[in-house]
Each structure stands twice: as structure tokens, then as C-alpha cells.
Amino acid sequence: MSVWALLAGAILTEVLGTIAMRLAVDRKPWYLVTALGYGAAFTFLALALRAGMPLGMAYGIWSASGVALTALLSRVLFGERLTRTMVLGITLIMAGVLLIQLGATA
């Protein structure tokens, strides 16, 4: 499996765990999905590191992407606010991720 696929798995399972945590507030069984999501996220992240992805790049992309996806999904799924300032922040996160990747390949 490619290092990028492993990192994508880490991002998606971390976001799943975070969304499940929000659902668990009212429905306790979702705590199991939260725990499994975070466990899978750390496993995928460790595998990406083992496959050779640098820690700074992996962690930066993983955490930034998770924040952006969680903010967008919480708007769609839970109707939470997404202000212009938050959209600007997400845009800056995307720019930062791009700069991290470009810097790693320079």
C-alpha cells in the first residue's frame, strides 16, 4: 500500500472517530466507533511513518486535514456554524499542507 493511501486512511479514520464522538454525546454506543476510529488512525499513521513518510510532513497533513474535514462535515451533518473566518482558516490550512508537501520535495 502506498504511503499516501496509508496517510489517507489515517485522516479518514481520525475524522470518523471525531464525528462518532459527537454522535456519542446522545448515543453511547458511538463511543466504540470513536475508540476504533482513533485506534485505526494511529495504526495507519504509524504504518505511513514505517513506509518512509517523514514525521513532520505526515503529522502536519494528518492533523490539518482532519481539522478541515471535521469542520466541513460538522456543518453538513450537524448544522454547526461555518463562518467566513473559519472558511479562511480552512483555506490557509490547505495552503499550509501544500507548502509542507512542496517543501519536503524541494
PDB file of N, CA and C in Angstrom:
ATOM      1  N   MET A   1       0.854  -1.175   0.000  1.00  0.00           N
ATOM      2  CA  MET A   1       0.000   0.000   0.000  1.00  0.00           C
ATOM      3  C   MET A   1       0.900   1.239   0.000  1.00  0.00           C
ATOM      4  N   SER A   2       0.521   2.239  -0.761  1.00  0.00           N
ATOM      5  CA  SER A   2       1.347   3.447  -0.849  1.00  0.00           C
ATOM      6  C   SER A   2       1.283   4.262   0.441  1.00  0.00           C
ATOM      7  N   VAL A   3       2.331   5.027   0.651  1.00  0.00           N
ATOM      8  CA  VAL A   3       2.403   5.869   1.839  1.00  0.00           C
ATOM      9  C   VAL A   3       1.245   6.870   1.873  1.00  0.00           C
ATOM     10  N   TRP A   4       0.825   7.358   0.702  1.00  0.00           N
ATOM     11  CA  TRP A   4      -0.273   8.325   0.637  1.00  0.00           C
ATOM     12  C   TRP A   4      -1.611   7.665   0.961  1.00  0.00           C
ATOM     13  N   ALA A   5      -1.778   6.411   0.547  1.00  0.00           N
ATOM     14  CA  ALA A   5      -3.009   5.687   0.890  1.00  0.00           C
ATOM     15  C   ALA A   5      -3.073   5.444   2.391  1.00  0.00           C
ATOM     16  N   LEU A   6      -1.933   5.129   2.997  1.00  0.00           N
ATOM     17  CA  LEU A   6      -1.899   4.934   4.451  1.00  0.00           C
ATOM     18  C   LEU A   6      -2.228   6.233   5.181  1.00  0.00           C
ATOM     19  N   LEU A   7      -1.678   7.338   4.702  1.00  0.00           N
ATOM     20  CA  LEU A   7      -1.976   8.631   5.334  1.00  0.00           C
ATOM     21  C   LEU A   7      -3.448   8.994   5.145  1.00  0.00           C
ATOM     22  N   ALA A   8      -3.992   8.727   3.968  1.00  0.00           N
ATOM     23  CA  ALA A   8      -5.423   8.980   3.742  1.00  0.00           C
ATOM     24  C   ALA A   8      -6.268   8.137   4.693  1.00  0.00           C
ATOM     25  N   GLY A   9      -5.875   6.897   4.917  1.00  0.00           N
ATOM     26  CA  GLY A   9      -6.581   6.050   5.882  1.00  0.00           C
ATOM     27  C   GLY A   9      -6.527   6.633   7.279  1.00  0.00           C
ATOM     28  N   ALA A  10      -5.370   7.171   7.650  1.00  0.00           N
ATOM     29  CA  ALA A  10      -5.225   7.796   8.970  1.00  0.00           C
ATOM     30  C   ALA A  10      -6.150   9.004   9.105  1.00  0.00           C
ATOM     31  N   ILE A  11      -6.203   9.816   8.065  1.00  0.00           N
ATOM     32  CA  ILE A  11      -7.040  11.017   8.095  1.00  0.00           C
ATOM     33  C   ILE A  11      -8.518  10.641   8.187  1.00  0.00           C
ATOM     34  N   LEU A  12      -8.951   9.747   7.325  1.00  0.00           N
ATOM     35  CA  LEU A  12     -10.375   9.391   7.276  1.00  0.00           C
ATOM     36  C   LEU A  12     -10.844   8.699   8.552  1.00  0.00           C
ATOM     37  N   THR A  13     -10.016   7.817   9.117  1.00  0.00           N
ATOM     38  CA  THR A  13     -10.453   7.134  10.342  1.00  0.00           C
ATOM     39  C   THR A  13     -10.414   8.065  11.555  1.00  0.00           C
ATOM     40  N   GLU A  14      -9.501   9.040  11.545  1.00  0.00           N
ATOM     41  CA  GLU A  14      -9.493  10.024  12.632  1.00  0.00           C
ATOM     42  C   GLU A  14     -10.736  10.905  12.569  1.00  0.00           C
ATOM     43  N   VAL A  15     -11.121  11.314  11.371  1.00  0.00           N
ATOM     44  CA  VAL A  15     -12.334  12.120  11.207  1.00  0.00           C
ATOM     45  C   VAL A  15     -13.561  11.289  11.589  1.00  0.00           C
ATOM     46  N   LEU A  16     -13.584  10.025  11.200  1.00  0.00           N
ATOM     47  CA  LEU A  16     -14.685   9.138  11.590  1.00  0.00           C
ATOM     48  C   LEU A  16     -14.791   9.063  13.112  1.00  0.00           C
ATOM     49  N   GLY A  17     -13.659   8.891  13.782  1.00  0.00           N
ATOM     50  CA  GLY A  17     -13.667   8.825  15.241  1.00  0.00           C
ATOM     51  C   GLY A  17     -14.168  10.114  15.877  1.00  0.00           C
ATOM     52  N   THR A  18     -13.796  11.242  15.301  1.00  0.00           N
ATOM     53  CA  THR A  18     -14.225  12.537  15.839  1.00  0.00           C
ATOM     54  C   THR A  18     -15.715  12.760  15.627  1.00  0.00           C
ATOM     55  N   ILE A  19     -16.215  12.436  14.443  1.00  0.00           N
ATOM     56  CA  ILE A  19     -17.652  12.559  14.171  1.00  0.00           C
ATOM     57  C   ILE A  19     -18.437  11.607  15.078  1.00  0.00           C
ATOM     58  N   ALA A  20     -17.913  10.399  15.269  1.00  0.00           N
ATOM     59  CA  ALA A  20     -18.569   9.434  16.157  1.00  0.00           C
ATOM     60  C   ALA A  20     -18.615   9.947  17.588  1.00  0.00           C
ATOM     61  N   MET A  21     -17.576  10.684  18.013  1.00  0.00           N
ATOM     62  CA  MET A  21     -17.578  11.242  19.360  1.00  0.00           C
ATOM     63  C   MET A  21     -18.726  12.229  19.528  1.00  0.00           C
ATOM     64  N   ARG A  22     -18.976  13.020  18.505  1.00  0.00           N
ATOM     65  CA  ARG A  22     -20.103  13.971  18.550  1.00  0.00           C
ATOM     66  C   ARG A  22     -21.426  13.225  18.651  1.00  0.00           C
ATOM     67  N   LEU A  23     -21.544  12.115  17.903  1.00  0.00           N
ATOM     68  CA  LEU A  23     -22.767  11.306  17.961  1.00  0.00           C
ATOM     69  C   LEU A  23     -22.909  10.607  19.311  1.00  0.00           C
ATOM     70  N   ALA A  24     -21.792  10.272  19.942  1.00  0.00           N
ATOM     71  CA  ALA A  24     -21.813   9.558  21.214  1.00  0.00           C
ATOM     72  C   ALA A  24     -22.355  10.397  22.353  1.00  0.00           C
ATOM     73  N   VAL A  25     -22.386  11.708  22.184  1.00  0.00           N
ATOM     74  CA  VAL A  25     -22.930  12.575  23.227  1.00  0.00           C
ATOM     75  C   VAL A  25     -24.365  12.161  23.562  1.00  0.00           C
ATOM     76  N   ASP A  26     -25.122  11.792  22.536  1.00  0.00           N
ATOM     77  CA  ASP A  26     -26.521  11.394  22.738  1.00  0.00           C
ATOM     78  C   ASP A  26     -26.741   9.889  22.628  1.00  0.00           C
ATOM     79  N   ARG A  27     -25.826   9.195  22.009  1.00  0.00           N
ATOM     80  CA  ARG A  27     -25.985   7.755  21.785  1.00  0.00           C
ATOM     81  C   ARG A  27     -24.699   7.053  22.201  1.00  0.00           C
ATOM     82  N   LYS A  28     -24.663   6.513  23.384  1.00  0.00           N
ATOM     83  CA  LYS A  28     -23.444   5.955  23.983  1.00  0.00           C
ATOM     84  C   LYS A  28     -22.730   4.902  23.136  1.00  0.00           C
ATOM     85  N   PRO A  29     -23.413   4.038  22.366  1.00  0.00           N
ATOM     86  CA  PRO A  29     -22.685   3.037  21.574  1.00  0.00           C
ATOM     87  C   PRO A  29     -21.677   3.629  20.583  1.00  0.00           C
ATOM     88  N   TRP A  30     -21.833   4.879  20.219  1.00  0.00           N
ATOM     89  CA  TRP A  30     -20.910   5.510  19.282  1.00  0.00           C
ATOM     90  C   TRP A  30     -19.516   5.692  19.886  1.00  0.00           C
ATOM     91  N   TYR A  31     -19.384   5.582  21.218  1.00  0.00           N
ATOM     92  CA  TYR A  31     -18.054   5.657  21.821  1.00  0.00           C
ATOM     93  C   TYR A  31     -17.163   4.520  21.323  1.00  0.00           C
ATOM     94  N   LEU A  32     -17.746   3.376  21.036  1.00  0.00           N
ATOM     95  CA  LEU A  32     -16.967   2.262  20.481  1.00  0.00           C
ATOM     96  C   LEU A  32     -16.411   2.629  19.109  1.00  0.00           C
ATOM     97  N   VAL A  33     -17.226   3.276  18.277  1.00  0.00           N
ATOM     98  CA  VAL A  33     -16.764   3.713  16.961  1.00  0.00           C
ATOM     99  C   VAL A  33     -15.663   4.766  17.120  1.00  0.00           C
ATOM    100  N   THR A  34     -15.811   5.640  18.122  1.00  0.00           N
ATOM    101  CA  THR A  34     -14.776   6.636  18.399  1.00  0.00           C
ATOM    102  C   THR A  34     -13.447   5.954  18.713  1.00  0.00           C
ATOM    103  N   ALA A  35     -13.467   5.003  19.621  1.00  0.00           N
ATOM    104  CA  ALA A  35     -12.240   4.304  20.010  1.00  0.00           C
ATOM    105  C   ALA A  35     -11.628   3.546  18.831  1.00  0.00           C
ATOM    106  N   LEU A  36     -12.459   2.867  18.072  1.00  0.00           N
ATOM    107  CA  LEU A  36     -11.956   2.125  16.911  1.00  0.00           C
ATOM    108  C   LEU A  36     -11.397   3.073  15.851  1.00  0.00           C
ATOM    109  N   GLY A  37     -12.076   4.189  15.638  1.00  0.00           N
ATOM    110  CA  GLY A  37     -11.603   5.167  14.658  1.00  0.00           C
ATOM    111  C   GLY A  37     -10.241   5.726  15.024  1.00  0.00           C
ATOM    112  N   TYR A  38     -10.082   6.119  16.291  1.00  0.00           N
ATOM    113  CA  TYR A  38      -8.786   6.664  16.719  1.00  0.00           C
ATOM    114  C   TYR A  38      -7.698   5.590  16.705  1.00  0.00           C
ATOM    115  N   GLY A  39      -8.058   4.380  17.117  1.00  0.00           N
ATOM    116  CA  GLY A  39      -7.082   3.285  17.068  1.00  0.00           C
ATOM    117  C   GLY A  39      -6.612   3.018  15.645  1.00  0.00           C
ATOM    118  N   ALA A  40      -7.547   2.991  14.719  1.00  0.00           N
ATOM    119  CA  ALA A  40      -7.195   2.780  13.311  1.00  0.00           C
ATOM    120  C   ALA A  40      -6.375   3.948  12.779  1.00  0.00           C
ATOM    121  N   ALA A  41      -6.717   5.167  13.177  1.00  0.00           N
ATOM    122  CA  ALA A  41      -5.987   6.348  12.706  1.00  0.00           C
ATOM    123  C   ALA A  41      -4.520   6.288  13.124  1.00  0.00           C
ATOM    124  N   PHE A  42      -4.265   5.957  14.378  1.00  0.00           N
ATOM    125  CA  PHE A  42      -2.878   5.881  14.839  1.00  0.00           C
ATOM    126  C   PHE A  42      -2.143   4.713  14.180  1.00  0.00           C
ATOM    127  N   THR A  43      -2.852   3.627  13.919  1.00  0.00           N
ATOM    128  CA  THR A  43      -2.236   2.493  13.226  1.00  0.00           C
ATOM    129  C   THR A  43      -1.837   2.888  11.806  1.00  0.00           C
ATOM    130  N   PHE A  44      -2.758   3.503  11.077  1.00  0.00           N
ATOM    131  CA  PHE A  44      -2.444   3.953   9.717  1.00  0.00           C
ATOM    132  C   PHE A  44      -1.303   4.970   9.718  1.00  0.00           C
ATOM    133  N   LEU A  45      -1.309   5.891  10.679  1.00  0.00           N
ATOM    134  CA  LEU A  45      -0.246   6.891  10.747  1.00  0.00           C
ATOM    135  C   LEU A  45       1.100   6.225  11.006  1.00  0.00           C
ATOM    136  N   ALA A  46       1.132   5.271  11.915  1.00  0.00           N
ATOM    137  CA  ALA A  46       2.381   4.548  12.198  1.00  0.00           C
ATOM    138  C   ALA A  46       2.863   3.786  10.966  1.00  0.00           C
ATOM    139  N   LEU A  47       1.940   3.190  10.225  1.00  0.00           N
ATOM    140  CA  LEU A  47       2.313   2.465   9.010  1.00  0.00           C
ATOM    141  C   LEU A  47       2.861   3.408   7.942  1.00  0.00           C
ATOM    142  N   ALA A  48       2.286   4.609   7.857  1.00  0.00           N
ATOM    143  CA  ALA A  48       2.801   5.597   6.900  1.00  0.00           C
ATOM    144  C   ALA A  48       4.222   6.009   7.278  1.00  0.00           C
ATOM    145  N   LEU A  49       4.467   6.165   8.570  1.00  0.00           N
ATOM    146  CA  LEU A  49       5.814   6.506   9.026  1.00  0.00           C
ATOM    147  C   LEU A  49       6.777   5.360   8.744  1.00  0.00           C
ATOM    148  N   ARG A  50       6.340   4.135   8.999  1.00  0.00           N
ATOM    149  CA  ARG A  50       7.179   2.966   8.737  1.00  0.00           C
ATOM    150  C   ARG A  50       7.499   2.850   7.246  1.00  0.00           C
ATOM    151  N   ALA A  51       6.550   3.271   6.402  1.00  0.00           N
ATOM    152  CA  ALA A  51       6.744   3.203   4.950  1.00  0.00           C
ATOM    153  C   ALA A  51       7.658   4.311   4.433  1.00  0.00           C
ATOM    154  N   GLY A  52       8.081   5.215   5.309  1.00  0.00           N
ATOM    155  CA  GLY A  52       9.069   6.203   4.921  1.00  0.00           C
ATOM    156  C   GLY A  52       8.620   7.649   4.873  1.00  0.00           C
ATOM    157  N   MET A  53       7.370   7.936   5.209  1.00  0.00           N
ATOM    158  CA  MET A  53       6.936   9.334   5.201  1.00  0.00           C
ATOM    159  C   MET A  53       7.557  10.060   6.390  1.00  0.00           C
ATOM    160  N   PRO A  54       8.138  11.238   6.176  1.00  0.00           N
ATOM    161  CA  PRO A  54       8.719  11.994   7.285  1.00  0.00           C
ATOM    162  C   PRO A  54       7.656  12.399   8.306  1.00  0.00           C
ATOM    163  N   LEU A  55       8.022  12.362   9.570  1.00  0.00           N
ATOM    164  CA  LEU A  55       7.076  12.640  10.656  1.00  0.00           C
ATOM    165  C   LEU A  55       6.454  14.027  10.539  1.00  0.00           C
ATOM    166  N   GLY A  56       7.255  15.047  10.296  1.00  0.00           N
ATOM    167  CA  GLY A  56       6.720  16.415  10.211  1.00  0.00           C
ATOM    168  C   GLY A  56       5.682  16.550   9.121  1.00  0.00           C
ATOM    169  N   MET A  57       5.950  15.967   7.970  1.00  0.00           N
ATOM    170  CA  MET A  57       5.008  16.045   6.869  1.00  0.00           C
ATOM    171  C   MET A  57       3.750  15.228   7.178  1.00  0.00           C
ATOM    172  N   ALA A  58       3.939  14.003   7.677  1.00  0.00           N
ATOM    173  CA  ALA A  58       2.796  13.138   7.975  1.00  0.00           C
ATOM    174  C   ALA A  58       1.881  13.768   9.022  1.00  0.00           C
ATOM    175  N   TYR A  59       2.465  14.241  10.120  1.00  0.00           N
ATOM    176  CA  TYR A  59       1.656  14.800  11.191  1.00  0.00           C
ATOM    177  C   TYR A  59       0.989  16.103  10.764  1.00  0.00           C
ATOM    178  N   GLY A  60       1.713  16.930  10.034  1.00  0.00           N
ATOM    179  CA  GLY A  60       1.142  18.193   9.569  1.00  0.00           C
ATOM    180  C   GLY A  60      -0.058  17.976   8.661  1.00  0.00           C
ATOM    181  N   ILE A  61       0.091  17.108   7.700  1.00  0.00           N
ATOM    182  CA  ILE A  61      -1.005  16.832   6.767  1.00  0.00           C
ATOM    183  C   ILE A  61      -2.155  16.145   7.484  1.00  0.00           C
ATOM    184  N   TRP A  62      -1.839  15.181   8.344  1.00  0.00           N
ATOM    185  CA  TRP A  62      -2.860  14.427   9.073  1.00  0.00           C
ATOM    186  C   TRP A  62      -3.695  15.357   9.956  1.00  0.00           C
ATOM    187  N   SER A  63      -3.035  16.149  10.763  1.00  0.00           N
ATOM    188  CA  SER A  63      -3.786  16.995  11.693  1.00  0.00           C
ATOM    189  C   SER A  63      -4.531  18.117  10.972  1.00  0.00           C
ATOM    190  N   ALA A  64      -3.890  18.755  10.014  1.00  0.00           N
ATOM    191  CA  ALA A  64      -4.539  19.864   9.293  1.00  0.00           C
ATOM    192  C   ALA A  64      -5.731  19.371   8.481  1.00  0.00           C
ATOM    193  N   SER A  65      -5.562  18.267   7.805  1.00  0.00           N
ATOM    194  CA  SER A  65      -6.668  17.728   7.010  1.00  0.00           C
ATOM    195  C   SER A  65      -7.822  17.295   7.902  1.00  0.00           C
ATOM    196  N   GLY A  66      -7.481  16.716   9.050  1.00  0.00           N
ATOM    197  CA  GLY A  66      -8.525  16.305   9.992  1.00  0.00           C
ATOM    198  C   GLY A  66      -9.341  17.477  10.500  1.00  0.00           C
ATOM    199  N   VAL A  67      -8.668  18.568  10.821  1.00  0.00           N
ATOM    200  CA  VAL A  67      -9.370  19.769  11.283  1.00  0.00           C
ATOM    201  C   VAL A  67     -10.304  20.294  10.196  1.00  0.00           C
ATOM    202  N   ALA A  68      -9.788  20.405   8.978  1.00  0.00           N
ATOM    203  CA  ALA A  68     -10.595  20.946   7.878  1.00  0.00           C
ATOM    204  C   ALA A  68     -11.788  20.051   7.571  1.00  0.00           C
ATOM    205  N   LEU A  69     -11.563  18.749   7.442  1.00  0.00           N
ATOM    206  CA  LEU A  69     -12.671  17.832   7.129  1.00  0.00           C
ATOM    207  C   LEU A  69     -13.704  17.789   8.247  1.00  0.00           C
ATOM    208  N   THR A  70     -13.240  17.809   9.483  1.00  0.00           N
ATOM    209  CA  THR A  70     -14.178  17.773  10.611  1.00  0.00           C
ATOM    210  C   THR A  70     -15.045  19.023  10.640  1.00  0.00           C
ATOM    211  N   ALA A  71     -14.456  20.168  10.385  1.00  0.00           N
ATOM    212  CA  ALA A  71     -15.236  21.411  10.361  1.00  0.00           C
ATOM    213  C   ALA A  71     -16.291  21.378   9.256  1.00  0.00           C
ATOM    214  N   LEU A  72     -15.901  20.911   8.073  1.00  0.00           N
ATOM    215  CA  LEU A  72     -16.853  20.843   6.965  1.00  0.00           C
ATOM    216  C   LEU A  72     -17.957  19.820   7.232  1.00  0.00           C
ATOM    217  N   LEU A  73     -17.578  18.655   7.726  1.00  0.00           N
ATOM    218  CA  LEU A  73     -18.589  17.622   8.000  1.00  0.00           C
ATOM    219  C   LEU A  73     -19.516  18.002   9.146  1.00  0.00           C
ATOM    220  N   SER A  74     -19.001  18.708  10.142  1.00  0.00           N
ATOM    221  CA  SER A  74     -19.877  19.113  11.245  1.00  0.00           C
ATOM    222  C   SER A  74     -20.914  20.121  10.767  1.00  0.00           C
ATOM    223  N   ARG A  75     -20.568  20.903   9.768  1.00  0.00           N
ATOM    224  CA  ARG A  75     -21.545  21.817   9.154  1.00  0.00           C
ATOM    225  C   ARG A  75     -22.634  21.025   8.435  1.00  0.00           C
ATOM    226  N   VAL A  76     -22.205  20.053   7.631  1.00  0.00           N
ATOM    227  CA  VAL A  76     -23.150  19.260   6.823  1.00  0.00           C
ATOM    228  C   VAL A  76     -23.999  18.343   7.700  1.00  0.00           C
ATOM    229  N   LEU A  77     -23.363  17.637   8.632  1.00  0.00           N
ATOM    230  CA  LEU A  77     -24.069  16.614   9.405  1.00  0.00           C
ATOM    231  C   LEU A  77     -24.842  17.168  10.602  1.00  0.00           C
ATOM    232  N   PHE A  78     -24.300  18.205  11.237  1.00  0.00           N
ATOM    233  CA  PHE A  78     -24.889  18.691  12.477  1.00  0.00           C
ATOM    234  C   PHE A  78     -25.395  20.122  12.407  1.00  0.00           C
ATOM    235  N   GLY A  79     -25.236  20.761  11.255  1.00  0.00           N
ATOM    236  CA  GLY A  79     -25.699  22.129  11.101  1.00  0.00           C
ATOM    237  C   GLY A  79     -24.926  23.138  11.917  1.00  0.00           C
ATOM    238  N   GLU A  80     -23.684  22.806  12.280  1.00  0.00           N
ATOM    239  CA  GLU A  80     -22.875  23.736  13.061  1.00  0.00           C
ATOM    240  C   GLU A  80     -22.422  24.895  12.182  1.00  0.00           C
ATOM    241  N   ARG A  81     -22.125  26.006  12.813  1.00  0.00           N
ATOM    242  CA  ARG A  81     -21.735  27.226  12.082  1.00  0.00           C
ATOM    243  C   ARG A  81     -20.432  27.017  11.323  1.00  0.00           C
ATOM    244  N   LEU A  82     -20.351  27.649  10.179  1.00  0.00           N
ATOM    245  CA  LEU A  82     -19.123  27.699   9.392  1.00  0.00           C
ATOM    246  C   LEU A  82     -19.018  29.125   8.868  1.00  0.00           C
ATOM    247  N   THR A  83     -18.300  29.950   9.610  1.00  0.00           N
ATOM    248  CA  THR A  83     -18.220  31.374   9.298  1.00  0.00           C
ATOM    249  C   THR A  83     -17.178  31.636   8.210  1.00  0.00           C
ATOM    250  N   ARG A  84     -17.181  32.854   7.705  1.00  0.00           N
ATOM    251  CA  ARG A  84     -16.174  33.242   6.708  1.00  0.00           C
ATOM    252  C   ARG A  84     -14.766  33.109   7.269  1.00  0.00           C
ATOM    253  N   THR A  85     -14.620  33.462   8.528  1.00  0.00           N
ATOM    254  CA  THR A  85     -13.314  33.347   9.170  1.00  0.00           C
ATOM    255  C   THR A  85     -12.872  31.884   9.222  1.00  0.00           C
ATOM    256  N   MET A  86     -13.802  30.988   9.514  1.00  0.00           N
ATOM    257  CA  MET A  86     -13.475  29.563   9.542  1.00  0.00           C
ATOM    258  C   MET A  86     -13.113  29.056   8.149  1.00  0.00           C
ATOM    259  N   VAL A  87     -13.835  29.502   7.131  1.00  0.00           N
ATOM    260  CA  VAL A  87     -13.526  29.102   5.754  1.00  0.00           C
ATOM    261  C   VAL A  87     -12.137  29.613   5.371  1.00  0.00           C
ATOM    262  N   LEU A  88     -11.809  30.833   5.783  1.00  0.00           N
ATOM    263  CA  LEU A  88     -10.470  31.361   5.540  1.00  0.00           C
ATOM    264  C   LEU A  88      -9.428  30.481   6.229  1.00  0.00           C
ATOM    265  N   GLY A  89      -9.706  30.083   7.442  1.00  0.00           N
ATOM    266  CA  GLY A  89      -8.790  29.200   8.167  1.00  0.00           C
ATOM    267  C   GLY A  89      -8.588  27.882   7.454  1.00  0.00           C
ATOM    268  N   ILE A  90      -9.665  27.297   6.952  1.00  0.00           N
ATOM    269  CA  ILE A  90      -9.562  26.032   6.199  1.00  0.00           C
ATOM    270  C   ILE A  90      -8.733  26.242   4.939  1.00  0.00           C
ATOM    271  N   THR A  91      -8.944  27.371   4.272  1.00  0.00           N
ATOM    272  CA  THR A  91      -8.159  27.689   3.078  1.00  0.00           C
ATOM    273  C   THR A  91      -6.681  27.817   3.421  1.00  0.00           C
ATOM    274  N   LEU A  92      -6.381  28.471   4.528  1.00  0.00           N
ATOM    275  CA  LEU A  92      -4.991  28.598   4.960  1.00  0.00           C
ATOM    276  C   LEU A  92      -4.393  27.246   5.332  1.00  0.00           C
ATOM    277  N   ILE A  93      -5.194  26.373   5.927  1.00  0.00           N
ATOM    278  CA  ILE A  93      -4.730  25.020   6.238  1.00  0.00           C
ATOM    279  C   ILE A  93      -4.349  24.300   4.950  1.00  0.00           C
ATOM    280  N   MET A  94      -5.212  24.392   3.937  1.00  0.00           N
ATOM    281  CA  MET A  94      -4.922  23.735   2.656  1.00  0.00           C
ATOM    282  C   MET A  94      -3.642  24.295   2.049  1.00  0.00           C
ATOM    283  N   ALA A  95      -3.455  25.603   2.127  1.00  0.00           N
ATOM    284  CA  ALA A  95      -2.232  26.218   1.605  1.00  0.00           C
ATOM    285  C   ALA A  95      -1.019  25.727   2.398  1.00  0.00           C
ATOM    286  N   GLY A  96      -1.158  25.624   3.693  1.00  0.00           N
ATOM    287  CA  GLY A  96      -0.070  25.127   4.524  1.00  0.00           C
ATOM    288  C   GLY A  96       0.310  23.696   4.210  1.00  0.00           C
ATOM    289  N   VAL A  97      -0.687  22.840   4.007  1.00  0.00           N
ATOM    290  CA  VAL A  97      -0.428  21.453   3.628  1.00  0.00           C
ATOM    291  C   VAL A  97       0.321  21.401   2.303  1.00  0.00           C
ATOM    292  N   LEU A  98      -0.096  22.213   1.352  1.00  0.00           N
ATOM    293  CA  LEU A  98       0.576  22.264   0.059  1.00  0.00           C
ATOM    294  C   LEU A  98       2.036  22.705   0.237  1.00  0.00           C
ATOM    295  N   LEU A  99       2.263  23.732   1.035  1.00  0.00           N
ATOM    296  CA  LEU A  99       3.623  24.202   1.262  1.00  0.00           C
ATOM    297  C   LEU A  99       4.491  23.154   1.960  1.00  0.00           C
ATOM    298  N   ILE A 100       3.904  22.409   2.876  1.00  0.00           N
ATOM    299  CA  ILE A 100       4.642  21.332   3.548  1.00  0.00           C
ATOM    300  C   ILE A 100       5.077  20.292   2.521  1.00  0.00           C
ATOM    301  N   GLN A 101       4.162  19.907   1.651  1.00  0.00           N
ATOM    302  CA  GLN A 101       4.497  18.893   0.650  1.00  0.00           C
ATOM    303  C   GLN A 101       5.541  19.436  -0.331  1.00  0.00           C
ATOM    304  N   LEU A 102       5.380  20.671  -0.775  1.00  0.00           N
ATOM    305  CA  LEU A 102       6.358  21.249  -1.702  1.00  0.00           C
ATOM    306  C   LEU A 102       7.724  21.390  -1.040  1.00  0.00           C
ATOM    307  N   GLY A 103       7.728  21.757   0.222  1.00  0.00           N
ATOM    308  CA  GLY A 103       8.990  21.892   0.941  1.00  0.00           C
ATOM    309  C   GLY A 103       9.692  20.566   1.141  1.00  0.00           C
ATOM    310  N   ALA A 104       8.934  19.508   1.300  1.00  0.00           N
ATOM    311  CA  ALA A 104       9.522  18.180   1.505  1.00  0.00           C
ATOM    312  C   ALA A 104      10.142  17.640   0.225  1.00  0.00           C
ATOM    313  N   THR A 105       9.636  18.078  -0.921  1.00  0.00           N
ATOM    314  CA  THR A 105      10.155  17.559  -2.187  1.00  0.00           C
ATOM    315  C   THR A 105      11.198  18.485  -2.796  1.00  0.00           C
ATOM    316  N   ALA A 106      11.457  19.634  -2.173  1.00  0.00           N
ATOM    317  CA  ALA A 106      12.431  20.586  -2.723  1.00  0.00           C
ATOM    318  C   ALA A 106      13.850  20.186  -2.403  1.00  0.00           C
TER     319      ALA A 106
END
